[in-house]
Amino acid sequence: MPLFNLTGKRPTNLGVKNGKLAPTPTTPNCVHSQSDNPQYKIAPLPMVSISELKKVIESMERTTIIEQKEDYLYAEFQTKLMGYVDDVEFYLDNKENVIHVRSASRLGKSDLGLNRQRIEEIRAKLK
C-alpha cells in the first residue's frame, strides 16, 4: 500500500449547470475555456462529436472515461511520474458551436503547465 494517496477524491461539483462547467479552483493548476481570468483561460476546442473526442482521449496514456452523455464527457488523467489525477471535462456547446473544456488537478498547487499542455495536445489530435 502506498505511503501517500496522490489520487485525491473525485470532485462532487463537476458537470454542466446552466451551460457552464464548474468554476476554476483557487489554485493555479487549471485551465478553463469559460473562465474570464487570463491565468486560467484557454480557447475552446473545435466542435466534433463525443465519439470522435472519446477516441482521442482513449488514445492517450493513463486515461479513464468516467461519464459520457450526448453533450458531455468527463475523463480522469493520471500523471506518469507521481500518479496525480487531473479531472478533465468537455461540454459540447451547440449554441457557440465549440467544445468547452475544463482541466484541473485534484491535488497540489502547481501543475507545471500540464493541464494546458494536455488540452493543446487534444486540440492538435482533433485536427
N, C-alpha and C. Protein backbone atom coordinates (compact mmCIF):
# COMPACT_ATOMS: atom_id res chain seq x y z
N MET A 1 0.85 -1.18 0.00
CA MET A 1 0.00 0.00 0.00
C MET A 1 0.89 1.24 0.00
N PRO A 2 0.60 2.22 -0.89
CA PRO A 2 1.45 3.41 -0.95
C PRO A 2 1.37 4.23 0.33
N LEU A 3 2.46 4.93 0.59
CA LEU A 3 2.55 5.76 1.78
C LEU A 3 1.63 6.98 1.68
N PHE A 4 1.52 7.53 0.47
CA PHE A 4 0.69 8.71 0.26
C PHE A 4 -0.36 8.43 -0.81
N ASN A 5 -1.54 8.97 -0.64
CA ASN A 5 -2.57 8.88 -1.66
C ASN A 5 -2.48 10.12 -2.53
N LEU A 6 -2.00 9.95 -3.76
CA LEU A 6 -1.83 11.10 -4.66
C LEU A 6 -2.97 11.21 -5.67
N THR A 7 -3.99 10.36 -5.53
CA THR A 7 -5.11 10.45 -6.46
C THR A 7 -6.18 11.42 -5.97
N GLY A 8 -6.29 11.62 -4.67
CA GLY A 8 -7.32 12.53 -4.14
C GLY A 8 -8.71 11.95 -4.33
N LYS A 9 -9.69 12.71 -3.92
CA LYS A 9 -11.09 12.29 -4.05
C LYS A 9 -11.71 12.94 -5.28
N ARG A 10 -12.56 12.19 -5.95
CA ARG A 10 -13.26 12.72 -7.12
C ARG A 10 -14.16 13.89 -6.70
N PRO A 11 -14.05 15.03 -7.39
CA PRO A 11 -14.89 16.18 -7.04
C PRO A 11 -16.37 15.89 -7.21
N THR A 12 -17.18 16.55 -6.41
CA THR A 12 -18.63 16.36 -6.48
C THR A 12 -19.33 17.51 -7.21
N ASN A 13 -18.56 18.53 -7.63
CA ASN A 13 -19.17 19.72 -8.25
C ASN A 13 -19.03 19.73 -9.77
N LEU A 14 -18.65 18.61 -10.38
CA LEU A 14 -18.43 18.60 -11.82
C LEU A 14 -19.73 18.42 -12.58
N GLY A 15 -19.65 18.67 -13.89
CA GLY A 15 -20.82 18.57 -14.75
C GLY A 15 -21.19 19.94 -15.29
N VAL A 16 -22.25 19.97 -16.08
CA VAL A 16 -22.70 21.21 -16.71
C VAL A 16 -23.93 21.71 -15.97
N LYS A 17 -23.87 22.95 -15.53
CA LYS A 17 -25.01 23.59 -14.87
C LYS A 17 -25.27 24.92 -15.55
N ASN A 18 -26.46 25.08 -16.10
CA ASN A 18 -26.83 26.31 -16.82
C ASN A 18 -25.84 26.65 -17.92
N GLY A 19 -25.39 25.62 -18.65
CA GLY A 19 -24.48 25.84 -19.78
C GLY A 19 -23.05 26.12 -19.38
N LYS A 20 -22.71 25.90 -18.13
CA LYS A 20 -21.35 26.20 -17.66
C LYS A 20 -20.74 24.98 -16.97
N LEU A 21 -19.45 24.80 -17.18
CA LEU A 21 -18.69 23.81 -16.43
C LEU A 21 -18.39 24.39 -15.06
N ALA A 22 -17.96 23.56 -14.13
CA ALA A 22 -17.63 24.01 -12.77
C ALA A 22 -16.60 25.14 -12.83
N PRO A 23 -16.65 26.06 -11.87
CA PRO A 23 -15.66 27.14 -11.86
C PRO A 23 -14.26 26.59 -11.56
N THR A 24 -13.27 27.42 -11.78
CA THR A 24 -11.89 27.01 -11.50
C THR A 24 -11.65 26.95 -10.00
N PRO A 25 -10.70 26.11 -9.57
CA PRO A 25 -10.32 26.12 -8.16
C PRO A 25 -9.53 27.41 -7.86
N THR A 26 -9.17 27.61 -6.63
CA THR A 26 -8.40 28.82 -6.27
C THR A 26 -6.91 28.63 -6.49
N THR A 27 -6.49 27.43 -6.86
CA THR A 27 -5.08 27.16 -7.12
C THR A 27 -4.79 27.28 -8.61
N PRO A 28 -3.55 27.66 -8.97
CA PRO A 28 -3.22 27.87 -10.39
C PRO A 28 -2.87 26.58 -11.13
N ASN A 29 -3.74 25.57 -11.02
CA ASN A 29 -3.47 24.29 -11.67
C ASN A 29 -4.67 23.84 -12.50
N CYS A 30 -5.22 24.79 -13.25
CA CYS A 30 -6.44 24.53 -14.02
C CYS A 30 -6.45 25.39 -15.27
N VAL A 31 -7.07 24.88 -16.33
CA VAL A 31 -7.41 25.69 -17.49
C VAL A 31 -8.90 25.51 -17.73
N HIS A 32 -9.53 26.57 -18.25
CA HIS A 32 -10.99 26.57 -18.38
C HIS A 32 -11.37 27.52 -19.51
N SER A 33 -12.06 27.00 -20.50
CA SER A 33 -12.42 27.83 -21.66
C SER A 33 -13.54 28.82 -21.36
N GLN A 34 -14.24 28.66 -20.25
CA GLN A 34 -15.32 29.60 -19.90
C GLN A 34 -14.88 30.59 -18.83
N SER A 35 -13.61 30.58 -18.46
CA SER A 35 -13.12 31.50 -17.43
C SER A 35 -12.82 32.87 -18.03
N ASP A 36 -13.06 33.91 -17.25
CA ASP A 36 -12.70 35.26 -17.65
C ASP A 36 -11.31 35.63 -17.15
N ASN A 37 -10.75 34.82 -16.27
CA ASN A 37 -9.43 35.08 -15.69
C ASN A 37 -8.35 34.62 -16.67
N PRO A 38 -7.48 35.54 -17.12
CA PRO A 38 -6.44 35.17 -18.10
C PRO A 38 -5.51 34.04 -17.62
N GLN A 39 -5.35 33.91 -16.31
CA GLN A 39 -4.50 32.87 -15.75
C GLN A 39 -5.03 31.47 -16.10
N TYR A 40 -6.34 31.32 -16.18
CA TYR A 40 -6.97 30.03 -16.43
C TYR A 40 -7.48 29.88 -17.87
N LYS A 41 -7.66 30.97 -18.57
CA LYS A 41 -8.33 30.97 -19.88
C LYS A 41 -7.58 30.13 -20.92
N ILE A 42 -8.35 29.33 -21.64
CA ILE A 42 -7.85 28.58 -22.78
C ILE A 42 -8.95 28.59 -23.83
N ALA A 43 -8.57 28.56 -25.09
CA ALA A 43 -9.58 28.56 -26.16
C ALA A 43 -10.36 27.25 -26.14
N PRO A 44 -11.66 27.32 -26.43
CA PRO A 44 -12.44 26.08 -26.53
C PRO A 44 -11.92 25.24 -27.70
N LEU A 45 -12.29 23.99 -27.70
CA LEU A 45 -11.90 23.08 -28.78
C LEU A 45 -12.89 23.21 -29.94
N PRO A 46 -12.46 22.85 -31.15
CA PRO A 46 -13.40 22.88 -32.27
C PRO A 46 -14.48 21.82 -32.08
N MET A 47 -15.63 22.06 -32.64
CA MET A 47 -16.76 21.15 -32.49
C MET A 47 -16.50 19.84 -33.24
N VAL A 48 -16.59 18.74 -32.50
CA VAL A 48 -16.56 17.38 -33.06
C VAL A 48 -17.60 16.58 -32.26
N SER A 49 -17.84 15.36 -32.67
CA SER A 49 -18.79 14.53 -31.92
C SER A 49 -18.12 13.99 -30.65
N ILE A 50 -18.96 13.59 -29.71
CA ILE A 50 -18.45 12.99 -28.47
C ILE A 50 -17.65 11.73 -28.81
N SER A 51 -18.11 10.95 -29.79
CA SER A 51 -17.39 9.72 -30.13
C SER A 51 -16.00 10.03 -30.69
N GLU A 52 -15.86 11.10 -31.50
CA GLU A 52 -14.53 11.49 -32.00
C GLU A 52 -13.64 11.93 -30.86
N LEU A 53 -14.21 12.75 -29.97
CA LEU A 53 -13.45 13.23 -28.82
C LEU A 53 -13.03 12.05 -27.93
N LYS A 54 -13.93 11.12 -27.71
CA LYS A 54 -13.64 9.96 -26.87
C LYS A 54 -12.50 9.13 -27.45
N LYS A 55 -12.47 8.96 -28.77
CA LYS A 55 -11.38 8.21 -29.42
C LYS A 55 -10.04 8.86 -29.13
N VAL A 56 -9.99 10.18 -29.22
CA VAL A 56 -8.75 10.91 -28.95
C VAL A 56 -8.33 10.70 -27.50
N ILE A 57 -9.28 10.86 -26.58
CA ILE A 57 -8.99 10.71 -25.15
C ILE A 57 -8.47 9.30 -24.86
N GLU A 58 -9.15 8.30 -25.41
CA GLU A 58 -8.76 6.91 -25.15
C GLU A 58 -7.43 6.55 -25.78
N SER A 59 -6.98 7.32 -26.77
CA SER A 59 -5.68 7.05 -27.40
C SER A 59 -4.53 7.57 -26.55
N MET A 60 -4.84 8.36 -25.54
CA MET A 60 -3.81 8.94 -24.67
C MET A 60 -3.56 8.01 -23.48
N GLU A 61 -2.36 8.08 -22.94
CA GLU A 61 -1.98 7.19 -21.84
C GLU A 61 -2.64 7.58 -20.52
N ARG A 62 -2.88 6.58 -19.69
CA ARG A 62 -3.34 6.74 -18.31
C ARG A 62 -4.64 7.56 -18.23
N THR A 63 -5.61 7.22 -19.06
CA THR A 63 -6.90 7.90 -19.04
C THR A 63 -8.02 6.93 -18.70
N THR A 64 -9.04 7.45 -18.06
CA THR A 64 -10.24 6.68 -17.76
C THR A 64 -11.45 7.55 -18.04
N ILE A 65 -12.36 7.08 -18.87
CA ILE A 65 -13.61 7.80 -19.10
C ILE A 65 -14.51 7.51 -17.91
N ILE A 66 -14.99 8.56 -17.25
CA ILE A 66 -15.82 8.42 -16.06
C ILE A 66 -17.30 8.57 -16.41
N GLU A 67 -17.61 9.54 -17.26
CA GLU A 67 -19.01 9.80 -17.61
C GLU A 67 -19.09 10.27 -19.05
N GLN A 68 -20.12 9.78 -19.74
CA GLN A 68 -20.34 10.19 -21.12
C GLN A 68 -21.82 10.41 -21.34
N LYS A 69 -22.15 11.58 -21.87
CA LYS A 69 -23.52 11.90 -22.27
C LYS A 69 -23.47 12.41 -23.71
N GLU A 70 -24.61 12.76 -24.23
CA GLU A 70 -24.68 13.24 -25.61
C GLU A 70 -23.84 14.51 -25.82
N ASP A 71 -23.79 15.38 -24.81
CA ASP A 71 -23.07 16.65 -24.96
C ASP A 71 -22.00 16.87 -23.89
N TYR A 72 -21.56 15.78 -23.23
CA TYR A 72 -20.63 15.93 -22.11
C TYR A 72 -19.75 14.69 -21.99
N LEU A 73 -18.48 14.93 -21.69
CA LEU A 73 -17.54 13.84 -21.45
C LEU A 73 -16.65 14.23 -20.28
N TYR A 74 -16.47 13.30 -19.35
CA TYR A 74 -15.63 13.53 -18.18
C TYR A 74 -14.62 12.39 -18.12
N ALA A 75 -13.34 12.76 -18.06
CA ALA A 75 -12.27 11.77 -18.00
C ALA A 75 -11.28 12.12 -16.90
N GLU A 76 -10.63 11.10 -16.38
CA GLU A 76 -9.54 11.30 -15.44
C GLU A 76 -8.24 10.96 -16.16
N PHE A 77 -7.25 11.80 -15.95
CA PHE A 77 -5.91 11.57 -16.48
C PHE A 77 -4.97 11.42 -15.29
N GLN A 78 -4.12 10.41 -15.32
CA GLN A 78 -3.18 10.20 -14.23
C GLN A 78 -1.78 10.53 -14.73
N THR A 79 -1.05 11.34 -13.94
CA THR A 79 0.30 11.73 -14.35
C THR A 79 1.24 10.53 -14.29
N LYS A 80 2.23 10.55 -15.16
CA LYS A 80 3.14 9.42 -15.30
C LYS A 80 4.05 9.26 -14.08
N LEU A 81 4.64 10.33 -13.64
CA LEU A 81 5.67 10.23 -12.61
C LEU A 81 5.11 9.91 -11.22
N MET A 82 4.18 10.72 -10.74
CA MET A 82 3.71 10.57 -9.36
C MET A 82 2.30 9.99 -9.23
N GLY A 83 1.58 9.88 -10.33
CA GLY A 83 0.24 9.31 -10.29
C GLY A 83 -0.84 10.26 -9.81
N TYR A 84 -0.57 11.59 -9.88
CA TYR A 84 -1.61 12.56 -9.55
C TYR A 84 -2.75 12.43 -10.56
N VAL A 85 -3.97 12.74 -10.14
CA VAL A 85 -5.12 12.65 -11.03
C VAL A 85 -5.63 14.05 -11.35
N ASP A 86 -5.90 14.27 -12.64
CA ASP A 86 -6.50 15.50 -13.13
C ASP A 86 -7.88 15.16 -13.66
N ASP A 87 -8.85 16.03 -13.36
CA ASP A 87 -10.22 15.87 -13.85
C ASP A 87 -10.40 16.75 -15.07
N VAL A 88 -10.84 16.15 -16.18
CA VAL A 88 -10.97 16.88 -17.43
C VAL A 88 -12.39 16.70 -17.95
N GLU A 89 -13.06 17.84 -18.19
CA GLU A 89 -14.44 17.82 -18.66
C GLU A 89 -14.55 18.51 -20.02
N PHE A 90 -15.47 18.00 -20.83
CA PHE A 90 -15.73 18.57 -22.14
C PHE A 90 -17.23 18.75 -22.29
N TYR A 91 -17.64 19.94 -22.72
CA TYR A 91 -19.07 20.25 -22.90
C TYR A 91 -19.28 20.73 -24.33
N LEU A 92 -20.07 20.00 -25.10
CA LEU A 92 -20.39 20.38 -26.47
C LEU A 92 -21.47 21.46 -26.44
N ASP A 93 -21.05 22.68 -26.70
CA ASP A 93 -21.94 23.83 -26.66
C ASP A 93 -22.46 24.08 -28.08
N ASN A 94 -23.67 23.60 -28.35
CA ASN A 94 -24.24 23.74 -29.69
C ASN A 94 -24.57 25.19 -30.04
N LYS A 95 -24.83 26.03 -29.04
CA LYS A 95 -25.09 27.46 -29.30
C LYS A 95 -23.86 28.14 -29.86
N GLU A 96 -22.72 27.89 -29.24
CA GLU A 96 -21.47 28.54 -29.66
C GLU A 96 -20.69 27.71 -30.68
N ASN A 97 -21.15 26.47 -30.92
CA ASN A 97 -20.53 25.57 -31.88
C ASN A 97 -19.06 25.28 -31.54
N VAL A 98 -18.81 25.06 -30.24
CA VAL A 98 -17.47 24.72 -29.74
C VAL A 98 -17.61 23.67 -28.64
N ILE A 99 -16.46 23.14 -28.24
CA ILE A 99 -16.42 22.26 -27.07
C ILE A 99 -15.71 23.02 -25.97
N HIS A 100 -16.44 23.33 -24.92
CA HIS A 100 -15.81 23.98 -23.77
C HIS A 100 -15.08 22.91 -22.97
N VAL A 101 -14.01 23.33 -22.33
CA VAL A 101 -13.15 22.38 -21.62
C VAL A 101 -12.72 22.95 -20.28
N ARG A 102 -12.59 22.05 -19.32
CA ARG A 102 -12.05 22.38 -18.00
C ARG A 102 -11.14 21.24 -17.61
N SER A 103 -9.89 21.55 -17.31
CA SER A 103 -8.92 20.54 -16.90
C SER A 103 -8.26 21.03 -15.63
N ALA A 104 -8.42 20.28 -14.52
CA ALA A 104 -7.94 20.73 -13.22
C ALA A 104 -7.28 19.60 -12.45
N SER A 105 -6.18 19.93 -11.78
CA SER A 105 -5.52 18.97 -10.90
C SER A 105 -6.31 18.86 -9.61
N ARG A 106 -6.41 17.65 -9.08
CA ARG A 106 -7.12 17.45 -7.81
C ARG A 106 -6.31 17.91 -6.62
N LEU A 107 -5.02 17.65 -6.66
CA LEU A 107 -4.15 17.93 -5.52
C LEU A 107 -3.03 18.87 -5.93
N GLY A 108 -2.39 19.47 -4.93
CA GLY A 108 -1.24 20.32 -5.19
C GLY A 108 -1.63 21.72 -5.58
N LYS A 109 -0.61 22.53 -5.79
CA LYS A 109 -0.85 23.92 -6.16
C LYS A 109 -0.52 24.17 -7.62
N SER A 110 0.67 23.78 -8.03
CA SER A 110 1.09 24.00 -9.41
C SER A 110 1.00 22.70 -10.19
N ASP A 111 0.68 22.82 -11.48
CA ASP A 111 0.68 21.65 -12.35
C ASP A 111 1.79 21.74 -13.38
N LEU A 112 2.65 22.76 -13.25
CA LEU A 112 3.76 22.99 -14.17
C LEU A 112 3.29 23.08 -15.62
N GLY A 113 2.07 23.57 -15.81
CA GLY A 113 1.52 23.77 -17.15
C GLY A 113 0.98 22.51 -17.81
N LEU A 114 0.89 21.42 -17.06
CA LEU A 114 0.46 20.14 -17.64
C LEU A 114 -0.98 20.17 -18.16
N ASN A 115 -1.91 20.81 -17.45
CA ASN A 115 -3.30 20.84 -17.91
C ASN A 115 -3.42 21.57 -19.24
N ARG A 116 -2.74 22.71 -19.37
CA ARG A 116 -2.77 23.47 -20.63
C ARG A 116 -2.14 22.64 -21.76
N GLN A 117 -1.01 22.03 -21.46
CA GLN A 117 -0.31 21.20 -22.45
C GLN A 117 -1.20 20.05 -22.93
N ARG A 118 -1.91 19.41 -22.01
CA ARG A 118 -2.79 18.29 -22.36
C ARG A 118 -3.91 18.74 -23.30
N ILE A 119 -4.54 19.86 -22.98
CA ILE A 119 -5.64 20.34 -23.82
C ILE A 119 -5.13 20.71 -25.21
N GLU A 120 -3.95 21.31 -25.28
CA GLU A 120 -3.38 21.65 -26.59
C GLU A 120 -3.02 20.39 -27.37
N GLU A 121 -2.61 19.34 -26.68
CA GLU A 121 -2.34 18.05 -27.35
C GLU A 121 -3.65 17.48 -27.91
N ILE A 122 -4.72 17.56 -27.14
CA ILE A 122 -6.03 17.09 -27.62
C ILE A 122 -6.47 17.91 -28.83
N ARG A 123 -6.29 19.24 -28.74
CA ARG A 123 -6.66 20.12 -29.86
C ARG A 123 -5.92 19.69 -31.13
N ALA A 124 -4.61 19.43 -31.01
CA ALA A 124 -3.80 19.03 -32.17
C ALA A 124 -4.29 17.70 -32.74
N LYS A 125 -4.67 16.77 -31.88
CA LYS A 125 -5.12 15.45 -32.33
C LYS A 125 -6.50 15.53 -33.01
N LEU A 126 -7.28 16.54 -32.69
CA LEU A 126 -8.60 16.69 -33.29
C LEU A 126 -8.52 17.27 -34.70
N LYS A 127 -7.39 17.84 -35.07
CA LYS A 127 -7.26 18.46 -36.41
C LYS A 127 -7.01 17.42 -37.47
